[in-house]
Amino acid sequence: MYLFHTPDINSDIYTLNKQESKHCIKVLRLKTGDKIHLTDGNGNLYESVLLDTDFKKCSVEIKKIYKEYGKRDYKIHIAVAPTKNIGRFEWFLEKATEIGIDEITPVFCEHSERTNIKTERLNKIITSAVKQSLKAYHPKLNNAVKFKGFIKGNFSDRKYIAFCDKENSTLLNNIYQKGQDALILIGPEGDFGKIEIQSAKDSGFIPISLGESRLRTETAALVACHIINLLNEK
């Protein structure tokens, strides 16, 4: 199955952009009549066939539409501090997309060593992972925000904050209930500051642990994402 991200699709005949056309014809070497799939990133999967082999703007005809393809009955929102090494953050975005995630918010915290990100590049990484893992839903990458402003947001999700503390022993997998929408806060390499932890608690965030091991930021974020997905498969 070959999947192409086509967020602007709006008719039964669609022309792939130059980059996707080149990948389709030059790299995959597909021919007229071959089957491919398209997704708008909103849950629609379009079964289509190639109408030509123009590597600059090849056209396809949609034959069948699968709506809400792969839809889950829960949502995962990970709010995480971007890592100093942006490659590690990009790794998280790629793997979380493959596993299954709905929303990501980069959050700048007291101990953050990175204070800027390039959203356009990060979205390209997410899009590539969507295509590779055959997903019909494109995770939403929000603009980066400061911690103080983020925790004041109006969220309907069950809110958690993960941090390193011997007294914080409530495991996420013991408190999360199947089917719940979950928002999980993950701190930077130096963890959250004490005031940030208290502020999050005051804003309704539930303290949780991801286990005994001390995890890197990007690993913790991925583990949290995996736990929610795994618990919903039972």
C-alpha atoms as a PDB file:
ATOM      1  CA  MET A   1       0.000   0.000   0.000  1.00  0.00           C
ATOM      2  CA  TYR A   2       1.415   3.363  -1.088  1.00  0.00           C
ATOM      3  CA  LEU A   3       0.065   6.356   0.836  1.00  0.00           C
ATOM      4  CA  PHE A   4       0.339  10.039  -0.125  1.00  0.00           C
ATOM      5  CA  HIS A   5      -0.579  13.039   2.031  1.00  0.00           C
ATOM      6  CA  THR A   6      -2.986  15.290   0.107  1.00  0.00           C
ATOM      7  CA  PRO A   7      -4.563  17.789   2.555  1.00  0.00           C
ATOM      8  CA  ASP A   8      -6.112  19.916  -0.215  1.00  0.00           C
ATOM      9  CA  ILE A   9      -7.976  17.114  -2.008  1.00  0.00           C
ATOM     10  CA  ASN A  10     -11.463  18.219  -3.087  1.00  0.00           C
ATOM     11  CA  SER A  11     -12.513  16.289  -6.224  1.00  0.00           C
ATOM     12  CA  ASP A  12     -12.533  12.829  -7.794  1.00  0.00           C
ATOM     13  CA  ILE A  13      -9.604  13.764 -10.047  1.00  0.00           C
ATOM     14  CA  TYR A  14      -6.565  14.979  -8.146  1.00  0.00           C
ATOM     15  CA  THR A  15      -3.092  16.073  -9.244  1.00  0.00           C
ATOM     16  CA  LEU A  16      -0.188  15.250  -6.965  1.00  0.00           C
ATOM     17  CA  ASN A  17       2.264  18.059  -6.300  1.00  0.00           C
ATOM     18  CA  LYS A  18       5.742  18.011  -7.857  1.00  0.00           C
ATOM     19  CA  GLN A  19       7.434  16.325  -4.901  1.00  0.00           C
ATOM     20  CA  GLU A  20       4.827  13.580  -4.524  1.00  0.00           C
ATOM     21  CA  SER A  21       4.623  13.068  -8.291  1.00  0.00           C
ATOM     22  CA  LYS A  22       8.384  12.565  -8.519  1.00  0.00           C
ATOM     23  CA  HIS A  23       8.303  10.095  -5.616  1.00  0.00           C
ATOM     24  CA  CYS A  24       5.423   8.214  -7.184  1.00  0.00           C
ATOM     25  CA  ILE A  25       6.864   7.940 -10.699  1.00  0.00           C
ATOM     26  CA  LYS A  26      10.648   8.199 -10.341  1.00  0.00           C
ATOM     27  CA  VAL A  27      11.186   6.482  -6.980  1.00  0.00           C
ATOM     28  CA  LEU A  28       8.354   3.955  -6.730  1.00  0.00           C
ATOM     29  CA  ARG A  29       8.227   3.545 -10.522  1.00  0.00           C
ATOM     30  CA  LEU A  30       4.451   3.223 -10.555  1.00  0.00           C
ATOM     31  CA  LYS A  31       2.584   2.987 -13.854  1.00  0.00           C
ATOM     32  CA  THR A  32      -0.744   4.116 -15.273  1.00  0.00           C
ATOM     33  CA  GLY A  33      -3.503   2.021 -13.705  1.00  0.00           C
ATOM     34  CA  ASP A  34      -1.552   1.228 -10.540  1.00  0.00           C
ATOM     35  CA  LYS A  35      -3.395   1.614  -7.250  1.00  0.00           C
ATOM     36  CA  ILE A  36      -2.329   4.182  -4.649  1.00  0.00           C
ATOM     37  CA  HIS A  37      -3.978   5.652  -1.571  1.00  0.00           C
ATOM     38  CA  LEU A  38      -4.346   9.270  -0.524  1.00  0.00           C
ATOM     39  CA  THR A  39      -5.237  10.834   2.804  1.00  0.00           C
ATOM     40  CA  ASP A  40      -6.262  14.359   3.736  1.00  0.00           C
ATOM     41  CA  GLY A  41      -5.011  13.817   7.286  1.00  0.00           C
ATOM     42  CA  ASN A  42      -8.540  14.190   8.668  1.00  0.00           C
ATOM     43  CA  GLY A  43      -9.422  10.508   8.701  1.00  0.00           C
ATOM     44  CA  ASN A  44     -10.365  10.038   5.049  1.00  0.00           C
ATOM     45  CA  LEU A  45      -8.520   7.385   3.039  1.00  0.00           C
ATOM     46  CA  TYR A  46      -8.937   7.568  -0.728  1.00  0.00           C
ATOM     47  CA  GLU A  47      -8.383   4.463  -2.852  1.00  0.00           C
ATOM     48  CA  SER A  48      -7.196   5.738  -6.225  1.00  0.00           C
ATOM     49  CA  VAL A  49      -5.569   4.758  -9.526  1.00  0.00           C
ATOM     50  CA  LEU A  50      -2.885   6.548 -11.534  1.00  0.00           C
ATOM     51  CA  LEU A  51      -4.117   8.197 -14.731  1.00  0.00           C
ATOM     52  CA  ASP A  52      -0.684   9.102 -16.132  1.00  0.00           C
ATOM     53  CA  THR A  53       3.047   8.998 -15.386  1.00  0.00           C
ATOM     54  CA  ASP A  54       3.948  12.689 -15.472  1.00  0.00           C
ATOM     55  CA  PHE A  55       6.663  12.936 -12.799  1.00  0.00           C
ATOM     56  CA  LYS A  56       6.003  16.657 -12.347  1.00  0.00           C
ATOM     57  CA  LYS A  57       2.214  16.525 -11.925  1.00  0.00           C
ATOM     58  CA  CYS A  58       0.717  13.067 -12.195  1.00  0.00           C
ATOM     59  CA  SER A  59      -3.054  12.719 -11.856  1.00  0.00           C
ATOM     60  CA  VAL A  60      -5.112  10.110 -10.037  1.00  0.00           C
ATOM     61  CA  GLU A  61      -8.772   9.162  -9.997  1.00  0.00           C
ATOM     62  CA  ILE A  62     -10.474   8.382  -6.702  1.00  0.00           C
ATOM     63  CA  LYS A  63     -12.397   5.127  -6.781  1.00  0.00           C
ATOM     64  CA  LYS A  64     -13.423   4.659  -3.159  1.00  0.00           C
ATOM     65  CA  ILE A  65     -13.389   6.618   0.096  1.00  0.00           C
ATOM     66  CA  TYR A  66     -12.936   5.097   3.557  1.00  0.00           C
ATOM     67  CA  LYS A  67     -14.087   7.581   6.181  1.00  0.00           C
ATOM     68  CA  GLU A  68     -12.692   7.689   9.731  1.00  0.00           C
ATOM     69  CA  TYR A  69     -10.061   5.142   8.710  1.00  0.00           C
ATOM     70  CA  GLY A  70      -8.258   3.883  11.809  1.00  0.00           C
ATOM     71  CA  LYS A  71     -10.190   6.169  14.157  1.00  0.00           C
ATOM     72  CA  ARG A  72      -9.685   5.506  17.877  1.00  0.00           C
ATOM     73  CA  ASP A  73     -12.220   6.221  20.633  1.00  0.00           C
ATOM     74  CA  TYR A  74      -9.697   8.157  22.724  1.00  0.00           C
ATOM     75  CA  LYS A  75      -7.250  10.987  22.149  1.00  0.00           C
ATOM     76  CA  ILE A  76      -3.648  11.493  23.245  1.00  0.00           C
ATOM     77  CA  HIS A  77      -2.173  14.961  23.718  1.00  0.00           C
ATOM     78  CA  ILE A  78       1.484  15.120  24.747  1.00  0.00           C
ATOM     79  CA  ALA A  79       2.786  18.496  25.934  1.00  0.00           C
ATOM     80  CA  VAL A  80       6.558  18.219  26.045  1.00  0.00           C
ATOM     81  CA  ALA A  81       9.580  20.480  26.394  1.00  0.00           C
ATOM     82  CA  PRO A  82      11.638  20.483  23.151  1.00  0.00           C
ATOM     83  CA  THR A  83      15.034  18.902  23.739  1.00  0.00           C
ATOM     84  CA  LYS A  84      18.343  20.764  23.452  1.00  0.00           C
ATOM     85  CA  ASN A  85      19.291  18.375  20.659  1.00  0.00           C
ATOM     86  CA  ILE A  86      16.385  18.951  18.268  1.00  0.00           C
ATOM     87  CA  GLY A  87      17.076  15.609  16.605  1.00  0.00           C
ATOM     88  CA  ARG A  88      15.826  13.837  19.722  1.00  0.00           C
ATOM     89  CA  PHE A  89      12.580  15.822  19.623  1.00  0.00           C
ATOM     90  CA  GLU A  90      12.180  14.990  15.945  1.00  0.00           C
ATOM     91  CA  TRP A  91      12.687  11.309  16.806  1.00  0.00           C
ATOM     92  CA  PHE A  92       9.854  11.534  19.328  1.00  0.00           C
ATOM     93  CA  LEU A  93       7.518  13.128  16.780  1.00  0.00           C
ATOM     94  CA  GLU A  94       8.262  10.417  14.233  1.00  0.00           C
ATOM     95  CA  LYS A  95       7.843   7.473  16.604  1.00  0.00           C
ATOM     96  CA  ALA A  96       4.794   8.884  18.406  1.00  0.00           C
ATOM     97  CA  THR A  97       3.085   9.389  15.041  1.00  0.00           C
ATOM     98  CA  GLU A  98       3.819   5.794  14.109  1.00  0.00           C
ATOM     99  CA  ILE A  99       2.464   4.502  17.425  1.00  0.00           C
ATOM    100  CA  GLY A 100      -0.560   6.815  17.440  1.00  0.00           C
ATOM    101  CA  ILE A 101      -0.903  10.351  18.792  1.00  0.00           C
ATOM    102  CA  ASP A 102      -3.405  13.137  18.160  1.00  0.00           C
ATOM    103  CA  GLU A 103      -1.833  16.346  19.384  1.00  0.00           C
ATOM    104  CA  ILE A 104       1.577  17.650  20.419  1.00  0.00           C
ATOM    105  CA  THR A 105       2.331  20.934  22.150  1.00  0.00           C
ATOM    106  CA  PRO A 106       5.949  22.065  22.596  1.00  0.00           C
ATOM    107  CA  VAL A 107       6.210  23.728  26.019  1.00  0.00           C
ATOM    108  CA  PHE A 108       9.046  25.963  27.190  1.00  0.00           C
ATOM    109  CA  CYS A 109       9.759  25.436  30.886  1.00  0.00           C
ATOM    110  CA  GLU A 110      11.967  26.891  33.608  1.00  0.00           C
ATOM    111  CA  HIS A 111      14.811  24.466  32.883  1.00  0.00           C
ATOM    112  CA  SER A 112      14.386  24.323  29.101  1.00  0.00           C
ATOM    113  CA  GLU A 113      17.657  24.514  27.182  1.00  0.00           C
ATOM    114  CA  ARG A 114      15.892  25.191  23.882  1.00  0.00           C
ATOM    115  CA  THR A 115      13.712  28.257  23.382  1.00  0.00           C
ATOM    116  CA  ASN A 116      12.804  28.010  19.676  1.00  0.00           C
ATOM    117  CA  ILE A 117      11.680  25.417  17.142  1.00  0.00           C
ATOM    118  CA  LYS A 118      10.971  25.340  13.402  1.00  0.00           C
ATOM    119  CA  THR A 119       7.378  24.170  13.120  1.00  0.00           C
ATOM    120  CA  GLU A 120       7.481  23.744   9.334  1.00  0.00           C
ATOM    121  CA  ARG A 121      10.311  21.200   9.493  1.00  0.00           C
ATOM    122  CA  LEU A 122       8.699  19.346  12.392  1.00  0.00           C
ATOM    123  CA  ASN A 123       5.410  19.073  10.503  1.00  0.00           C
ATOM    124  CA  LYS A 124       7.256  17.554   7.532  1.00  0.00           C
ATOM    125  CA  ILE A 125       8.658  14.881   9.833  1.00  0.00           C
ATOM    126  CA  ILE A 126       5.167  14.133  11.137  1.00  0.00           C
ATOM    127  CA  THR A 127       3.774  13.959   7.593  1.00  0.00           C
ATOM    128  CA  SER A 128       6.496  11.517   6.545  1.00  0.00           C
ATOM    129  CA  ALA A 129       5.691   9.314   9.548  1.00  0.00           C
ATOM    130  CA  VAL A 130       1.965   9.435   8.721  1.00  0.00           C
ATOM    131  CA  LYS A 131       2.690   8.111   5.231  1.00  0.00           C
ATOM    132  CA  GLN A 132       5.160   5.480   6.432  1.00  0.00           C
ATOM    133  CA  SER A 133       2.815   4.120   9.101  1.00  0.00           C
ATOM    134  CA  LEU A 134      -0.288   4.285   6.851  1.00  0.00           C
ATOM    135  CA  LYS A 135      -2.258   6.652   9.066  1.00  0.00           C
ATOM    136  CA  ALA A 136      -5.289   8.623   7.863  1.00  0.00           C
ATOM    137  CA  TYR A 137      -5.100  11.121  10.722  1.00  0.00           C
ATOM    138  CA  HIS A 138      -2.327  13.715  10.780  1.00  0.00           C
ATOM    139  CA  PRO A 139      -1.358  14.658  14.363  1.00  0.00           C
ATOM    140  CA  LYS A 140      -1.761  18.343  15.197  1.00  0.00           C
ATOM    141  CA  LEU A 141       1.431  20.163  16.113  1.00  0.00           C
ATOM    142  CA  ASN A 142       0.579  23.280  18.089  1.00  0.00           C
ATOM    143  CA  ASN A 143       2.688  26.403  18.313  1.00  0.00           C
ATOM    144  CA  ALA A 144       5.181  26.400  21.156  1.00  0.00           C
ATOM    145  CA  VAL A 145       3.957  28.032  24.379  1.00  0.00           C
ATOM    146  CA  LYS A 146       5.339  28.897  27.792  1.00  0.00           C
ATOM    147  CA  PHE A 147       4.531  26.581  30.691  1.00  0.00           C
ATOM    148  CA  LYS A 148       2.656  29.184  32.753  1.00  0.00           C
ATOM    149  CA  GLY A 149       0.295  29.975  29.928  1.00  0.00           C
ATOM    150  CA  PHE A 150      -0.232  26.372  28.890  1.00  0.00           C
ATOM    151  CA  ILE A 151      -1.408  25.009  32.251  1.00  0.00           C
ATOM    152  CA  LYS A 152      -4.092  27.709  32.395  1.00  0.00           C
ATOM    153  CA  GLY A 153      -5.693  26.374  29.224  1.00  0.00           C
ATOM    154  CA  ASN A 154      -9.213  24.964  29.192  1.00  0.00           C
ATOM    155  CA  PHE A 155      -8.759  21.239  28.533  1.00  0.00           C
ATOM    156  CA  SER A 156     -11.447  18.569  28.663  1.00  0.00           C
ATOM    157  CA  ASP A 157      -8.843  15.790  28.745  1.00  0.00           C
ATOM    158  CA  ARG A 158      -7.732  13.960  31.858  1.00  0.00           C
ATOM    159  CA  LYS A 159      -4.597  15.952  32.783  1.00  0.00           C
ATOM    160  CA  TYR A 160      -1.359  14.404  34.054  1.00  0.00           C
ATOM    161  CA  ILE A 161       2.129  15.677  34.817  1.00  0.00           C
ATOM    162  CA  ALA A 162       5.093  13.268  34.881  1.00  0.00           C
ATOM    163  CA  PHE A 163       8.206  14.196  36.842  1.00  0.00           C
ATOM    164  CA  CYS A 164      11.087  12.649  38.774  1.00  0.00           C
ATOM    165  CA  ASP A 165      10.331  12.397  42.491  1.00  0.00           C
ATOM    166  CA  LYS A 166      10.644   9.411  44.843  1.00  0.00           C
ATOM    167  CA  GLU A 167       7.365  10.437  46.484  1.00  0.00           C
ATOM    168  CA  ASN A 168       5.614  10.545  43.114  1.00  0.00           C
ATOM    169  CA  SER A 169       4.945   6.804  42.789  1.00  0.00           C
ATOM    170  CA  THR A 170       1.507   6.650  41.128  1.00  0.00           C
ATOM    171  CA  LEU A 171       2.074   4.872  37.845  1.00  0.00           C
ATOM    172  CA  LEU A 172       0.243   6.161  34.786  1.00  0.00           C
ATOM    173  CA  ASN A 173      -0.918   2.659  33.882  1.00  0.00           C
ATOM    174  CA  ASN A 174      -2.533   2.294  37.344  1.00  0.00           C
ATOM    175  CA  ILE A 175      -4.528   5.512  37.222  1.00  0.00           C
ATOM    176  CA  TYR A 176      -5.509   5.920  33.569  1.00  0.00           C
ATOM    177  CA  GLN A 177      -8.871   4.454  32.550  1.00  0.00           C
ATOM    178  CA  LYS A 178      -9.445   2.962  29.118  1.00  0.00           C
ATOM    179  CA  GLY A 179     -11.258   5.273  26.688  1.00  0.00           C
ATOM    180  CA  GLN A 180     -10.277   8.520  28.406  1.00  0.00           C
ATOM    181  CA  ASP A 181      -8.745  11.403  26.485  1.00  0.00           C
ATOM    182  CA  ALA A 182      -5.367  12.095  28.057  1.00  0.00           C
ATOM    183  CA  LEU A 183      -3.127  15.155  28.244  1.00  0.00           C
ATOM    184  CA  ILE A 184       0.327  14.392  29.618  1.00  0.00           C
ATOM    185  CA  LEU A 185       2.966  16.986  30.512  1.00  0.00           C
ATOM    186  CA  ILE A 186       6.606  15.957  30.069  1.00  0.00           C
ATOM    187  CA  GLY A 187       9.397  18.228  31.295  1.00  0.00           C
ATOM    188  CA  PRO A 188      12.846  19.179  29.923  1.00  0.00           C
ATOM    189  CA  GLU A 189      16.192  17.502  30.573  1.00  0.00           C
ATOM    190  CA  GLY A 190      16.430  19.238  33.977  1.00  0.00           C
ATOM    191  CA  ASP A 191      12.822  18.268  34.831  1.00  0.00           C
ATOM    192  CA  PHE A 192      10.133  20.712  35.933  1.00  0.00           C
ATOM    193  CA  GLY A 193      10.888  23.320  38.586  1.00  0.00           C
ATOM    194  CA  LYS A 194       9.221  22.899  41.991  1.00  0.00           C
ATOM    195  CA  ILE A 195       7.018  25.936  41.417  1.00  0.00           C
ATOM    196  CA  GLU A 196       5.959  24.573  38.023  1.00  0.00           C
ATOM    197  CA  ILE A 197       4.969  21.235  39.562  1.00  0.00           C
ATOM    198  CA  GLN A 198       2.909  22.924  42.240  1.00  0.00           C
ATOM    199  CA  SER A 199       1.293  25.269  39.705  1.00  0.00           C
ATOM    200  CA  ALA A 200       0.331  22.300  37.535  1.00  0.00           C
ATOM    201  CA  LYS A 201      -1.192  20.520  40.532  1.00  0.00           C
ATOM    202  CA  ASP A 202      -3.147  23.657  41.410  1.00  0.00           C
ATOM    203  CA  SER A 203      -4.433  23.690  37.816  1.00  0.00           C
ATOM    204  CA  GLY A 204      -5.759  20.144  38.090  1.00  0.00           C
ATOM    205  CA  PHE A 205      -2.862  18.127  36.700  1.00  0.00           C
ATOM    206  CA  ILE A 206      -2.448  14.738  38.384  1.00  0.00           C
ATOM    207  CA  PRO A 207       1.133  13.738  39.315  1.00  0.00           C
ATOM    208  CA  ILE A 208       2.168  10.437  37.745  1.00  0.00           C
ATOM    209  CA  SER A 209       5.256   8.267  37.330  1.00  0.00           C
ATOM    210  CA  LEU A 210       6.349   6.399  34.209  1.00  0.00           C
ATOM    211  CA  GLY A 211       8.345   3.824  36.159  1.00  0.00           C
ATOM    212  CA  GLU A 212      11.540   3.476  38.156  1.00  0.00           C
ATOM    213  CA  SER A 213      13.953   4.208  35.300  1.00  0.00           C
ATOM    214  CA  ARG A 214      15.145   7.762  34.769  1.00  0.00           C
ATOM    215  CA  LEU A 215      14.159   8.548  31.192  1.00  0.00           C
ATOM    216  CA  ARG A 216      15.276  11.152  28.695  1.00  0.00           C
ATOM    217  CA  THR A 217      12.636  13.738  27.807  1.00  0.00           C
ATOM    218  CA  GLU A 218      11.862  12.254  24.390  1.00  0.00           C
ATOM    219  CA  THR A 219      11.829   8.710  25.782  1.00  0.00           C
ATOM    220  CA  ALA A 220       9.441   9.679  28.586  1.00  0.00           C
ATOM    221  CA  ALA A 221       7.100  11.337  26.104  1.00  0.00           C
ATOM    222  CA  LEU A 222       7.096   8.262  23.881  1.00  0.00           C
ATOM    223  CA  VAL A 223       6.621   5.885  26.828  1.00  0.00           C
ATOM    224  CA  ALA A 224       3.601   7.904  27.987  1.00  0.00           C
ATOM    225  CA  CYS A 225       2.133   7.754  24.495  1.00  0.00           C
ATOM    226  CA  HIS A 226       2.749   4.013  24.263  1.00  0.00           C
ATOM    227  CA  ILE A 227       1.203   3.293  27.682  1.00  0.00           C
ATOM    228  CA  ILE A 228      -2.071   5.003  26.720  1.00  0.00           C
ATOM    229  CA  ASN A 229      -2.233   3.148  23.415  1.00  0.00           C
ATOM    230  CA  LEU A 230      -1.364  -0.175  25.003  1.00  0.00           C
ATOM    231  CA  LEU A 231      -3.977   0.153  27.761  1.00  0.00           C
ATOM    232  CA  ASN A 232      -6.638   0.863  25.163  1.00  0.00           C
ATOM    233  CA  GLU A 233      -5.804  -2.333  23.270  1.00  0.00           C
ATOM    234  CA  LYS A 234      -6.742  -4.559  26.196  1.00  0.00           C
END
